[in-house]
């Protein structure tokens, strides 16, 4: 059996959390991969999610006790800008050490339309 996959989720709002957490669990279940999801931010909008991401990355860099996740999911709505621009914004705000495990989830125009 594969080892536990740790996923840290940063989301703009509750709608992202309610879609993405079950989706991640379902994919993991279908692949028979045990998964642990930690919701790191899911309230307060885009600004709050990105600020929490910044603080989280700083904490990872400074702490030897906190280990990096296996997967980092950051969900920000595309809104009227486009999913590609939002993805780029997330990538620019993600530390190089985490980019290989980053999933930028950018519904376009916004999750509630899905």
PDB file of N, CA and C in Angstrom:
ATOM      1  N   UNK A   1       0.836  -1.184   0.000  1.00  0.00           N
ATOM      2  CA  UNK A   1       0.000   0.000   0.000  1.00  0.00           C
ATOM      3  C   UNK A   1       0.880   1.246   0.000  1.00  0.00           C
ATOM      4  N   UNK A   2       0.543   2.225  -0.841  1.00  0.00           N
ATOM      5  CA  UNK A   2       1.338   3.455  -0.883  1.00  0.00           C
ATOM      6  C   UNK A   2       1.289   4.196   0.447  1.00  0.00           C
ATOM      7  N   UNK A   3       2.298   5.011   0.678  1.00  0.00           N
ATOM      8  CA  UNK A   3       2.321   5.784   1.910  1.00  0.00           C
ATOM      9  C   UNK A   3       1.327   6.950   1.832  1.00  0.00           C
ATOM     10  N   UNK A   4       1.015   7.493   2.982  1.00  0.00           N
ATOM     11  CA  UNK A   4       0.069   8.584   3.096  1.00  0.00           C
ATOM     12  C   UNK A   4       0.546   9.809   2.320  1.00  0.00           C
ATOM     13  N   UNK A   5      -0.342  10.387   1.529  1.00  0.00           N
ATOM     14  CA  UNK A   5      -0.047  11.605   0.778  1.00  0.00           C
ATOM     15  C   UNK A   5      -0.667  12.770   1.543  1.00  0.00           C
ATOM     16  N   UNK A   6       0.173  13.715   1.909  1.00  0.00           N
ATOM     17  CA  UNK A   6      -0.286  14.895   2.646  1.00  0.00           C
ATOM     18  C   UNK A   6      -0.549  16.038   1.676  1.00  0.00           C
ATOM     19  N   UNK A   7      -1.769  16.566   1.751  1.00  0.00           N
ATOM     20  CA  UNK A   7      -2.199  17.650   0.868  1.00  0.00           C
ATOM     21  C   UNK A   7      -2.553  18.862   1.719  1.00  0.00           C
ATOM     22  N   UNK A   8      -1.974  20.011   1.406  1.00  0.00           N
ATOM     23  CA  UNK A   8      -2.338  21.270   2.045  1.00  0.00           C
ATOM     24  C   UNK A   8      -3.123  22.089   1.037  1.00  0.00           C
ATOM     25  N   UNK A   9      -4.296  22.566   1.477  1.00  0.00           N
ATOM     26  CA  UNK A   9      -5.215  23.271   0.585  1.00  0.00           C
ATOM     27  C   UNK A   9      -5.410  24.716   1.042  1.00  0.00           C
ATOM     28  N   UNK A  10      -5.169  25.633   0.131  1.00  0.00           N
ATOM     29  CA  UNK A  10      -5.456  27.049   0.328  1.00  0.00           C
ATOM     30  C   UNK A  10      -6.548  27.407  -0.654  1.00  0.00           C
ATOM     31  N   UNK A  11      -7.659  27.909  -0.135  1.00  0.00           N
ATOM     32  CA  UNK A  11      -8.793  28.211  -0.997  1.00  0.00           C
ATOM     33  C   UNK A  11      -9.322  29.603  -0.719  1.00  0.00           C
ATOM     34  N   UNK A  12      -9.874  30.181  -1.740  1.00  0.00           N
ATOM     35  CA  UNK A  12     -10.427  31.528  -1.642  1.00  0.00           C
ATOM     36  C   UNK A  12     -11.665  31.560  -0.752  1.00  0.00           C
ATOM     37  N   UNK A  13     -12.475  30.510  -0.836  1.00  0.00           N
ATOM     38  CA  UNK A  13     -13.706  30.504  -0.046  1.00  0.00           C
ATOM     39  C   UNK A  13     -14.211  29.077   0.166  1.00  0.00           C
ATOM     40  N   UNK A  14     -15.317  29.003   0.863  1.00  0.00           N
ATOM     41  CA  UNK A  14     -15.901  27.709   1.232  1.00  0.00           C
ATOM     42  C   UNK A  14     -16.303  26.875   0.012  1.00  0.00           C
ATOM     43  N   UNK A  15     -16.734  27.521  -1.049  1.00  0.00           N
ATOM     44  CA  UNK A  15     -17.130  26.783  -2.253  1.00  0.00           C
ATOM     45  C   UNK A  15     -15.954  25.988  -2.822  1.00  0.00           C
ATOM     46  N   UNK A  16     -14.768  26.587  -2.816  1.00  0.00           N
ATOM     47  CA  UNK A  16     -13.577  25.858  -3.268  1.00  0.00           C
ATOM     48  C   UNK A  16     -13.326  24.654  -2.377  1.00  0.00           C
ATOM     49  N   UNK A  17     -13.389  24.876  -1.063  1.00  0.00           N
ATOM     50  CA  UNK A  17     -13.150  23.790  -0.110  1.00  0.00           C
ATOM     51  C   UNK A  17     -14.151  22.655  -0.319  1.00  0.00           C
ATOM     52  N   UNK A  18     -15.423  23.002  -0.488  1.00  0.00           N
ATOM     53  CA  UNK A  18     -16.468  21.984  -0.631  1.00  0.00           C
ATOM     54  C   UNK A  18     -16.375  21.202  -1.942  1.00  0.00           C
ATOM     55  N   UNK A  19     -15.772  21.782  -2.940  1.00  0.00           N
ATOM     56  CA  UNK A  19     -15.561  21.062  -4.197  1.00  0.00           C
ATOM     57  C   UNK A  19     -14.243  20.287  -4.176  1.00  0.00           C
ATOM     58  N   UNK A  20     -13.173  20.944  -3.792  1.00  0.00           N
ATOM     59  CA  UNK A  20     -11.844  20.363  -3.948  1.00  0.00           C
ATOM     60  C   UNK A  20     -11.513  19.262  -2.940  1.00  0.00           C
ATOM     61  N   UNK A  21     -11.864  19.425  -1.684  1.00  0.00           N
ATOM     62  CA  UNK A  21     -11.523  18.398  -0.695  1.00  0.00           C
ATOM     63  C   UNK A  21     -12.155  17.045  -1.055  1.00  0.00           C
ATOM     64  N   UNK A  22     -13.473  16.987  -1.341  1.00  0.00           N
ATOM     65  CA  UNK A  22     -14.049  15.706  -1.755  1.00  0.00           C
ATOM     66  C   UNK A  22     -13.482  15.188  -3.081  1.00  0.00           C
ATOM     67  N   UNK A  23     -13.180  16.090  -4.003  1.00  0.00           N
ATOM     68  CA  UNK A  23     -12.604  15.685  -5.286  1.00  0.00           C
ATOM     69  C   UNK A  23     -11.238  15.027  -5.078  1.00  0.00           C
ATOM     70  N   UNK A  24     -10.407  15.638  -4.251  1.00  0.00           N
ATOM     71  CA  UNK A  24      -9.088  15.068  -3.954  1.00  0.00           C
ATOM     72  C   UNK A  24      -9.241  13.701  -3.293  1.00  0.00           C
ATOM     73  N   UNK A  25     -10.159  13.608  -2.318  1.00  0.00           N
ATOM     74  CA  UNK A  25     -10.393  12.315  -1.650  1.00  0.00           C
ATOM     75  C   UNK A  25     -10.865  11.247  -2.633  1.00  0.00           C
ATOM     76  N   UNK A  26     -11.745  11.637  -3.532  1.00  0.00           N
ATOM     77  CA  UNK A  26     -12.286  10.680  -4.508  1.00  0.00           C
ATOM     78  C   UNK A  26     -11.196  10.166  -5.450  1.00  0.00           C
ATOM     79  N   UNK A  27     -10.372  11.063  -5.944  1.00  0.00           N
ATOM     80  CA  UNK A  27      -9.281  10.650  -6.830  1.00  0.00           C
ATOM     81  C   UNK A  27      -8.319   9.742  -6.086  1.00  0.00           C
ATOM     82  N   UNK A  28      -7.985  10.109  -4.856  1.00  0.00           N
ATOM     83  CA  UNK A  28      -7.079   9.291  -4.051  1.00  0.00           C
ATOM     84  C   UNK A  28      -7.670   7.910  -3.805  1.00  0.00           C
ATOM     85  N   UNK A  29      -8.966   7.860  -3.508  1.00  0.00           N
ATOM     86  CA  UNK A  29      -9.631   6.581  -3.269  1.00  0.00           C
ATOM     87  C   UNK A  29      -9.600   5.706  -4.518  1.00  0.00           C
ATOM     88  N   UNK A  30      -9.897   6.307  -5.667  1.00  0.00           N
ATOM     89  CA  UNK A  30      -9.886   5.548  -6.921  1.00  0.00           C
ATOM     90  C   UNK A  30      -8.495   5.017  -7.247  1.00  0.00           C
ATOM     91  N   UNK A  31      -7.467   5.749  -6.852  1.00  0.00           N
ATOM     92  CA  UNK A  31      -6.085   5.329  -7.087  1.00  0.00           C
ATOM     93  C   UNK A  31      -5.523   4.489  -5.935  1.00  0.00           C
ATOM     94  N   UNK A  32      -6.367   4.284  -4.915  1.00  0.00           N
ATOM     95  CA  UNK A  32      -5.975   3.518  -3.711  1.00  0.00           C
ATOM     96  C   UNK A  32      -4.758   4.132  -3.019  1.00  0.00           C
ATOM     97  N   UNK A  33      -4.816   5.436  -2.879  1.00  0.00           N
ATOM     98  CA  UNK A  33      -3.748   6.185  -2.218  1.00  0.00           C
ATOM     99  C   UNK A  33      -4.338   6.822  -0.964  1.00  0.00           C
ATOM    100  N   UNK A  34      -3.796   6.507   0.195  1.00  0.00           N
ATOM    101  CA  UNK A  34      -4.296   7.171   1.409  1.00  0.00           C
ATOM    102  C   UNK A  34      -3.899   8.646   1.390  1.00  0.00           C
ATOM    103  N   UNK A  35      -4.848   9.490   1.764  1.00  0.00           N
ATOM    104  CA  UNK A  35      -4.615  10.930   1.680  1.00  0.00           C
ATOM    105  C   UNK A  35      -5.067  11.619   2.964  1.00  0.00           C
ATOM    106  N   UNK A  36      -4.329  12.648   3.330  1.00  0.00           N
ATOM    107  CA  UNK A  36      -4.700  13.503   4.449  1.00  0.00           C
ATOM    108  C   UNK A  36      -4.721  14.928   3.917  1.00  0.00           C
ATOM    109  N   UNK A  37      -5.874  15.582   4.039  1.00  0.00           N
ATOM    110  CA  UNK A  37      -6.019  16.945   3.537  1.00  0.00           C
ATOM    111  C   UNK A  37      -6.120  17.893   4.723  1.00  0.00           C
ATOM    112  N   UNK A  38      -5.277  18.910   4.702  1.00  0.00           N
ATOM    113  CA  UNK A  38      -5.353  19.969   5.706  1.00  0.00           C
ATOM    114  C   UNK A  38      -5.808  21.238   5.007  1.00  0.00           C
ATOM    115  N   UNK A  39      -6.915  21.779   5.488  1.00  0.00           N
ATOM    116  CA  UNK A  39      -7.405  23.041   4.954  1.00  0.00           C
ATOM    117  C   UNK A  39      -6.627  24.135   5.671  1.00  0.00           C
ATOM    118  N   UNK A  40      -5.780  24.808   4.963  1.00  0.00           N
ATOM    119  CA  UNK A  40      -4.937  25.850   5.549  1.00  0.00           C
ATOM    120  C   UNK A  40      -5.596  27.221   5.492  1.00  0.00           C
ATOM    121  N   UNK A  41      -6.455  27.438   4.507  1.00  0.00           N
ATOM    122  CA  UNK A  41      -7.191  28.692   4.383  1.00  0.00           C
ATOM    123  C   UNK A  41      -8.372  28.436   3.463  1.00  0.00           C
ATOM    124  N   UNK A  42      -9.579  28.852   3.909  1.00  0.00           N
ATOM    125  CA  UNK A  42     -10.751  28.664   3.057  1.00  0.00           C
ATOM    126  C   UNK A  42     -11.816  29.730   3.308  1.00  0.00           C
ATOM    127  N   UNK A  43     -11.409  30.831   3.843  1.00  0.00           N
ATOM    128  CA  UNK A  43     -12.343  31.927   4.118  1.00  0.00           C
ATOM    129  C   UNK A  43     -11.627  33.246   3.881  1.00  0.00           C
ATOM    130  N   UNK A  44     -12.365  34.248   3.492  1.00  0.00           N
ATOM    131  CA  UNK A  44     -11.790  35.582   3.420  1.00  0.00           C
ATOM    132  C   UNK A  44     -11.371  36.052   2.045  1.00  0.00           C
ATOM    133  N   UNK A  45     -11.573  35.246   1.021  1.00  0.00           N
ATOM    134  CA  UNK A  45     -11.278  35.688  -0.332  1.00  0.00           C
ATOM    135  C   UNK A  45      -9.848  35.481  -0.787  1.00  0.00           C
ATOM    136  N   UNK A  46      -9.589  35.994  -1.978  1.00  0.00           N
ATOM    137  CA  UNK A  46      -8.300  35.833  -2.643  1.00  0.00           C
ATOM    138  C   UNK A  46      -7.157  36.372  -1.815  1.00  0.00           C
ATOM    139  N   UNK A  47      -7.299  37.600  -1.329  1.00  0.00           N
ATOM    140  CA  UNK A  47      -6.228  38.231  -0.565  1.00  0.00           C
ATOM    141  C   UNK A  47      -5.840  37.434   0.666  1.00  0.00           C
ATOM    142  N   UNK A  48      -6.828  36.953   1.370  1.00  0.00           N
ATOM    143  CA  UNK A  48      -6.560  36.167   2.584  1.00  0.00           C
ATOM    144  C   UNK A  48      -5.867  34.856   2.235  1.00  0.00           C
ATOM    145  N   UNK A  49      -6.334  34.170   1.211  1.00  0.00           N
ATOM    146  CA  UNK A  49      -5.720  32.901   0.818  1.00  0.00           C
ATOM    147  C   UNK A  49      -4.254  33.098   0.442  1.00  0.00           C
ATOM    148  N   UNK A  50      -3.961  34.137  -0.317  1.00  0.00           N
ATOM    149  CA  UNK A  50      -2.582  34.379  -0.739  1.00  0.00           C
ATOM    150  C   UNK A  50      -1.707  34.845   0.418  1.00  0.00           C
ATOM    151  N   UNK A  51      -2.273  35.607   1.343  1.00  0.00           N
ATOM    152  CA  UNK A  51      -1.516  36.030   2.526  1.00  0.00           C
ATOM    153  C   UNK A  51      -1.212  34.823   3.421  1.00  0.00           C
ATOM    154  N   UNK A  52      -2.194  33.949   3.583  1.00  0.00           N
ATOM    155  CA  UNK A  52      -1.985  32.728   4.370  1.00  0.00           C
ATOM    156  C   UNK A  52      -0.929  31.844   3.709  1.00  0.00           C
ATOM    157  N   UNK A  53      -0.942  31.777   2.382  1.00  0.00           N
ATOM    158  CA  UNK A  53       0.069  31.016   1.648  1.00  0.00           C
ATOM    159  C   UNK A  53       1.460  31.582   1.915  1.00  0.00           C
ATOM    160  N   UNK A  54       1.577  32.891   1.901  1.00  0.00           N
ATOM    161  CA  UNK A  54       2.851  33.556   2.163  1.00  0.00           C
ATOM    162  C   UNK A  54       3.354  33.222   3.578  1.00  0.00           C
ATOM    163  N   UNK A  55       2.482  33.345   4.572  1.00  0.00           N
ATOM    164  CA  UNK A  55       2.861  33.044   5.957  1.00  0.00           C
ATOM    165  C   UNK A  55       3.223  31.575   6.132  1.00  0.00           C
ATOM    166  N   UNK A  56       2.472  30.721   5.491  1.00  0.00           N
ATOM    167  CA  UNK A  56       2.714  29.275   5.539  1.00  0.00           C
ATOM    168  C   UNK A  56       4.100  28.942   4.973  1.00  0.00           C
ATOM    169  N   UNK A  57       4.434  29.526   3.840  1.00  0.00           N
ATOM    170  CA  UNK A  57       5.735  29.266   3.225  1.00  0.00           C
ATOM    171  C   UNK A  57       6.868  29.769   4.109  1.00  0.00           C
ATOM    172  N   UNK A  58       6.661  30.917   4.724  1.00  0.00           N
ATOM    173  CA  UNK A  58       7.658  31.454   5.650  1.00  0.00           C
ATOM    174  C   UNK A  58       7.833  30.498   6.832  1.00  0.00           C
ATOM    175  N   UNK A  59       6.733  29.986   7.343  1.00  0.00           N
ATOM    176  CA  UNK A  59       6.774  29.039   8.464  1.00  0.00           C
ATOM    177  C   UNK A  59       7.524  27.764   8.076  1.00  0.00           C
ATOM    178  N   UNK A  60       7.262  27.251   6.885  1.00  0.00           N
ATOM    179  CA  UNK A  60       7.976  26.055   6.413  1.00  0.00           C
ATOM    180  C   UNK A  60       9.480  26.301   6.335  1.00  0.00           C
ATOM    181  N   UNK A  61       9.857  27.476   5.857  1.00  0.00           N
ATOM    182  CA  UNK A  61      11.277  27.805   5.692  1.00  0.00           C
ATOM    183  C   UNK A  61      11.983  27.942   7.032  1.00  0.00           C
ATOM    184  N   UNK A  62      11.276  28.436   8.034  1.00  0.00           N
ATOM    185  CA  UNK A  62      11.889  28.695   9.337  1.00  0.00           C
ATOM    186  C   UNK A  62      11.821  27.529  10.310  1.00  0.00           C
ATOM    187  N   UNK A  63      10.913  26.603  10.078  1.00  0.00           N
ATOM    188  CA  UNK A  63      10.679  25.535  11.046  1.00  0.00           C
ATOM    189  C   UNK A  63      11.204  24.192  10.554  1.00  0.00           C
ATOM    190  N   UNK A  64      11.916  23.528  11.420  1.00  0.00           N
ATOM    191  CA  UNK A  64      12.352  22.174  11.078  1.00  0.00           C
ATOM    192  C   UNK A  64      11.278  21.164  11.472  1.00  0.00           C
ATOM    193  N   UNK A  65      10.330  21.567  12.323  1.00  0.00           N
ATOM    194  CA  UNK A  65       9.268  20.668  12.778  1.00  0.00           C
ATOM    195  C   UNK A  65       8.186  20.483  11.717  1.00  0.00           C
ATOM    196  N   UNK A  66       7.903  21.528  10.972  1.00  0.00           N
ATOM    197  CA  UNK A  66       6.858  21.471   9.951  1.00  0.00           C
ATOM    198  C   UNK A  66       7.469  20.937   8.658  1.00  0.00           C
ATOM    199  N   UNK A  67       6.858  19.892   8.122  1.00  0.00           N
ATOM    200  CA  UNK A  67       7.381  19.309   6.893  1.00  0.00           C
ATOM    201  C   UNK A  67       6.532  19.757   5.698  1.00  0.00           C
ATOM    202  N   UNK A  68       7.153  19.808   4.569  1.00  0.00           N
ATOM    203  CA  UNK A  68       6.463  20.201   3.341  1.00  0.00           C
ATOM    204  C   UNK A  68       5.419  19.164   2.961  1.00  0.00           C
ATOM    205  N   UNK A  69       4.323  19.613   2.357  1.00  0.00           N
ATOM    206  CA  UNK A  69       3.293  18.666   1.923  1.00  0.00           C
ATOM    207  C   UNK A  69       3.753  17.906   0.684  1.00  0.00           C
ATOM    208  N   UNK A  70       3.070  16.827   0.408  1.00  0.00           N
ATOM    209  CA  UNK A  70       3.330  16.102  -0.835  1.00  0.00           C
ATOM    210  C   UNK A  70       2.671  16.816  -2.013  1.00  0.00           C
ATOM    211  N   UNK A  71       1.584  17.518  -1.710  1.00  0.00           N
ATOM    212  CA  UNK A  71       0.837  18.238  -2.728  1.00  0.00           C
ATOM    213  C   UNK A  71       0.322  19.536  -2.114  1.00  0.00           C
ATOM    214  N   UNK A  72       0.488  20.631  -2.833  1.00  0.00           N
ATOM    215  CA  UNK A  72       0.014  21.938  -2.394  1.00  0.00           C
ATOM    216  C   UNK A  72      -1.021  22.413  -3.406  1.00  0.00           C
ATOM    217  N   UNK A  73      -2.266  22.576  -2.943  1.00  0.00           N
ATOM    218  CA  UNK A  73      -3.343  23.013  -3.825  1.00  0.00           C
ATOM    219  C   UNK A  73      -3.742  24.425  -3.421  1.00  0.00           C
ATOM    220  N   UNK A  74      -3.706  25.342  -4.399  1.00  0.00           N
ATOM    221  CA  UNK A  74      -4.095  26.731  -4.164  1.00  0.00           C
ATOM    222  C   UNK A  74      -5.210  27.055  -5.155  1.00  0.00           C
ATOM    223  N   UNK A  75      -6.374  27.442  -4.611  1.00  0.00           N
ATOM    224  CA  UNK A  75      -7.549  27.686  -5.442  1.00  0.00           C
ATOM    225  C   UNK A  75      -7.960  29.148  -5.380  1.00  0.00           C
ATOM    226  N   UNK A  76      -7.898  29.810  -6.522  1.00  0.00           N
ATOM    227  CA  UNK A  76      -8.283  31.212  -6.665  1.00  0.00           C
ATOM    228  C   UNK A  76      -9.127  31.331  -7.933  1.00  0.00           C
ATOM    229  N   UNK A  77     -10.280  31.982  -7.833  1.00  0.00           N
ATOM    230  CA  UNK A  77     -11.141  32.160  -9.006  1.00  0.00           C
ATOM    231  C   UNK A  77     -10.458  32.965 -10.107  1.00  0.00           C
ATOM    232  N   UNK A  78     -10.760  32.595 -11.349  1.00  0.00           N
ATOM    233  CA  UNK A  78     -10.249  33.346 -12.487  1.00  0.00           C
ATOM    234  C   UNK A  78     -10.902  34.710 -12.608  1.00  0.00           C
ATOM    235  N   UNK A  79     -12.166  34.804 -12.149  1.00  0.00           N
ATOM    236  CA  UNK A  79     -12.965  36.028 -12.239  1.00  0.00           C
ATOM    237  C   UNK A  79     -12.924  36.572 -13.654  1.00  0.00           C
ATOM    238  N   UNK A  80     -12.738  37.826 -13.822  1.00  0.00           N
ATOM    239  CA  UNK A  80     -12.756  38.413 -15.167  1.00  0.00           C
ATOM    240  C   UNK A  80     -11.358  38.516 -15.765  1.00  0.00           C
ATOM    241  N   UNK A  81     -10.358  38.019 -15.060  1.00  0.00           N
ATOM    242  CA  UNK A  81      -8.976  38.164 -15.504  1.00  0.00           C
ATOM    243  C   UNK A  81      -8.559  36.999 -16.388  1.00  0.00           C
ATOM    244  N   UNK A  82      -8.947  35.803 -16.059  1.00  0.00           N
ATOM    245  CA  UNK A  82      -8.679  34.537 -16.739  1.00  0.00           C
ATOM    246  C   UNK A  82      -7.968  33.587 -15.796  1.00  0.00           C
ATOM    247  N   UNK A  83      -8.219  32.330 -16.020  1.00  0.00           N
ATOM    248  CA  UNK A  83      -7.599  31.293 -15.206  1.00  0.00           C
ATOM    249  C   UNK A  83      -6.088  31.295 -15.392  1.00  0.00           C
ATOM    250  N   UNK A  84      -5.632  31.518 -16.601  1.00  0.00           N
ATOM    251  CA  UNK A  84      -4.185  31.504 -16.872  1.00  0.00           C
ATOM    252  C   UNK A  84      -3.457  32.592 -16.086  1.00  0.00           C
ATOM    253  N   UNK A  85      -4.021  33.781 -16.025  1.00  0.00           N
ATOM    254  CA  UNK A  85      -3.397  34.872 -15.262  1.00  0.00           C
ATOM    255  C   UNK A  85      -3.382  34.570 -13.776  1.00  0.00           C
ATOM    256  N   UNK A  86      -4.467  33.984 -13.271  1.00  0.00           N
ATOM    257  CA  UNK A  86      -4.526  33.628 -11.846  1.00  0.00           C
ATOM    258  C   UNK A  86      -3.525  32.518 -11.537  1.00  0.00           C
ATOM    259  N   UNK A  87      -3.407  31.557 -12.427  1.00  0.00           N
ATOM    260  CA  UNK A  87      -2.422  30.482 -12.259  1.00  0.00           C
ATOM    261  C   UNK A  87      -1.017  31.064 -12.181  1.00  0.00           C
ATOM    262  N   UNK A  88      -0.731  32.004 -13.057  1.00  0.00           N
ATOM    263  CA  UNK A  88       0.573  32.663 -13.063  1.00  0.00           C
ATOM    264  C   UNK A  88       0.802  33.413 -11.748  1.00  0.00           C
ATOM    265  N   UNK A  89      -0.219  34.083 -11.264  1.00  0.00           N
ATOM    266  CA  UNK A  89      -0.120  34.811  -9.998  1.00  0.00           C
ATOM    267  C   UNK A  89       0.211  33.853  -8.848  1.00  0.00           C
ATOM    268  N   UNK A  90      -0.441  32.719  -8.818  1.00  0.00           N
ATOM    269  CA  UNK A  90      -0.176  31.717  -7.773  1.00  0.00           C
ATOM    270  C   UNK A  90       1.252  31.203  -7.897  1.00  0.00           C
ATOM    271  N   UNK A  91       1.667  30.866  -9.110  1.00  0.00           N
ATOM    272  CA  UNK A  91       3.023  30.353  -9.327  1.00  0.00           C
ATOM    273  C   UNK A  91       4.081  31.365  -8.911  1.00  0.00           C
ATOM    274  N   UNK A  92       3.840  32.640  -9.195  1.00  0.00           N
ATOM    275  CA  UNK A  92       4.793  33.685  -8.817  1.00  0.00           C
ATOM    276  C   UNK A  92       4.906  33.828  -7.302  1.00  0.00           C
ATOM    277  N   UNK A  93       3.857  33.497  -6.580  1.00  0.00           N
ATOM    278  CA  UNK A  93       3.841  33.627  -5.121  1.00  0.00           C
ATOM    279  C   UNK A  93       4.229  32.331  -4.410  1.00  0.00           C
ATOM    280  N   UNK A  94       4.579  31.328  -5.181  1.00  0.00           N
ATOM    281  CA  UNK A  94       4.949  30.037  -4.597  1.00  0.00           C
ATOM    282  C   UNK A  94       6.455  29.873  -4.605  1.00  0.00           C
ATOM    283  N   UNK A  95       6.980  29.505  -3.459  1.00  0.00           N
ATOM    284  CA  UNK A  95       8.409  29.290  -3.309  1.00  0.00           C
ATOM    285  C   UNK A  95       8.891  28.200  -4.264  1.00  0.00           C
ATOM    286  N   UNK A  96      10.081  28.378  -4.761  1.00  0.00           N
ATOM    287  CA  UNK A  96      10.679  27.431  -5.708  1.00  0.00           C
ATOM    288  C   UNK A  96      10.666  25.991  -5.165  1.00  0.00           C
ATOM    289  N   UNK A  97      10.874  25.845  -3.860  1.00  0.00           N
ATOM    290  CA  UNK A  97      10.938  24.506  -3.259  1.00  0.00           C
ATOM    291  C   UNK A  97       9.599  23.775  -3.275  1.00  0.00           C
ATOM    292  N   UNK A  98       8.505  24.492  -3.519  1.00  0.00           N
ATOM    293  CA  UNK A  98       7.179  23.870  -3.536  1.00  0.00           C
ATOM    294  C   UNK A  98       6.570  23.769  -4.929  1.00  0.00           C
ATOM    295  N   UNK A  99       7.196  24.365  -5.925  1.00  0.00           N
ATOM    296  CA  UNK A  99       6.593  24.432  -7.262  1.00  0.00           C
ATOM    297  C   UNK A  99       6.384  23.068  -7.909  1.00  0.00           C
ATOM    298  N   UNK A 100       7.223  22.097  -7.563  1.00  0.00           N
ATOM    299  CA  UNK A 100       7.074  20.771  -8.165  1.00  0.00           C
ATOM    300  C   UNK A 100       5.873  20.005  -7.626  1.00  0.00           C
ATOM    301  N   UNK A 101       5.252  20.503  -6.573  1.00  0.00           N
ATOM    302  CA  UNK A 101       4.083  19.835  -5.989  1.00  0.00           C
ATOM    303  C   UNK A 101       2.859  20.741  -5.965  1.00  0.00           C
ATOM    304  N   UNK A 102       2.925  21.855  -6.681  1.00  0.00           N
ATOM    305  CA  UNK A 102       1.845  22.838  -6.710  1.00  0.00           C
ATOM    306  C   UNK A 102       0.777  22.466  -7.728  1.00  0.00           C
ATOM    307  N   UNK A 103      -0.484  22.575  -7.303  1.00  0.00           N
ATOM    308  CA  UNK A 103      -1.624  22.490  -8.204  1.00  0.00           C
ATOM    309  C   UNK A 103      -2.376  23.807  -8.050  1.00  0.00           C
ATOM    310  N   UNK A 104      -2.409  24.595  -9.101  1.00  0.00           N
ATOM    311  CA  UNK A 104      -3.149  25.852  -9.091  1.00  0.00           C
ATOM    312  C   UNK A 104      -4.529  25.569  -9.667  1.00  0.00           C
ATOM    313  N   UNK A 105      -5.535  25.646  -8.810  1.00  0.00           N
ATOM    314  CA  UNK A 105      -6.911  25.372  -9.215  1.00  0.00           C
ATOM    315  C   UNK A 105      -7.612  26.703  -9.430  1.00  0.00           C
ATOM    316  N   UNK A 106      -7.873  27.032 -10.687  1.00  0.00           N
ATOM    317  CA  UNK A 106      -8.409  28.354 -11.012  1.00  0.00           C
ATOM    318  C   UNK A 106      -9.680  28.235 -11.853  1.00  0.00           C
ATOM    319  N   UNK A 107     -10.833  28.048 -11.195  1.00  0.00           N
ATOM    320  CA  UNK A 107     -12.069  28.001 -11.968  1.00  0.00           C
ATOM    321  C   UNK A 107     -12.313  29.345 -12.656  1.00  0.00           C
ATOM    322  N   UNK A 108     -12.795  29.284 -13.874  1.00  0.00           N
ATOM    323  CA  UNK A 108     -12.994  30.500 -14.642  1.00  0.00           C
ATOM    324  C   UNK A 108     -14.448  30.545 -15.141  1.00  0.00           C
ATOM    325  N   UNK A 109     -15.211  31.546 -14.815  1.00  0.00           N
ATOM    326  CA  UNK A 109     -14.826  32.762 -14.129  1.00  0.00           C
ATOM    327  C   UNK A 109     -14.761  32.616 -12.605  1.00  0.00           C
ATOM    328  N   UNK A 110     -15.643  31.775 -12.003  1.00  0.00           N
ATOM    329  CA  UNK A 110     -15.579  31.545 -10.562  1.00  0.00           C
ATOM    330  C   UNK A 110     -16.270  30.232 -10.229  1.00  0.00           C
ATOM    331  N   UNK A 111     -15.932  29.681  -9.066  1.00  0.00           N
ATOM    332  CA  UNK A 111     -16.403  28.339  -8.676  1.00  0.00           C
ATOM    333  C   UNK A 111     -17.919  28.227  -8.656  1.00  0.00           C
ATOM    334  N   UNK A 112     -18.592  29.270  -8.242  1.00  0.00           N
ATOM    335  CA  UNK A 112     -20.053  29.203  -8.137  1.00  0.00           C
ATOM    336  C   UNK A 112     -20.721  28.993  -9.504  1.00  0.00           C
ATOM    337  N   UNK A 113     -20.074  29.349 -10.586  1.00  0.00           N
ATOM    338  CA  UNK A 113     -20.630  29.126 -11.926  1.00  0.00           C
ATOM    339  C   UNK A 113     -20.552  27.652 -12.320  1.00  0.00           C
ATOM    340  N   UNK A 114     -19.622  26.907 -11.725  1.00  0.00           N
ATOM    341  CA  UNK A 114     -19.485  25.490 -12.052  1.00  0.00           C
ATOM    342  C   UNK A 114     -20.688  24.730 -11.566  1.00  0.00           C
TER     343      UNK A 114
END
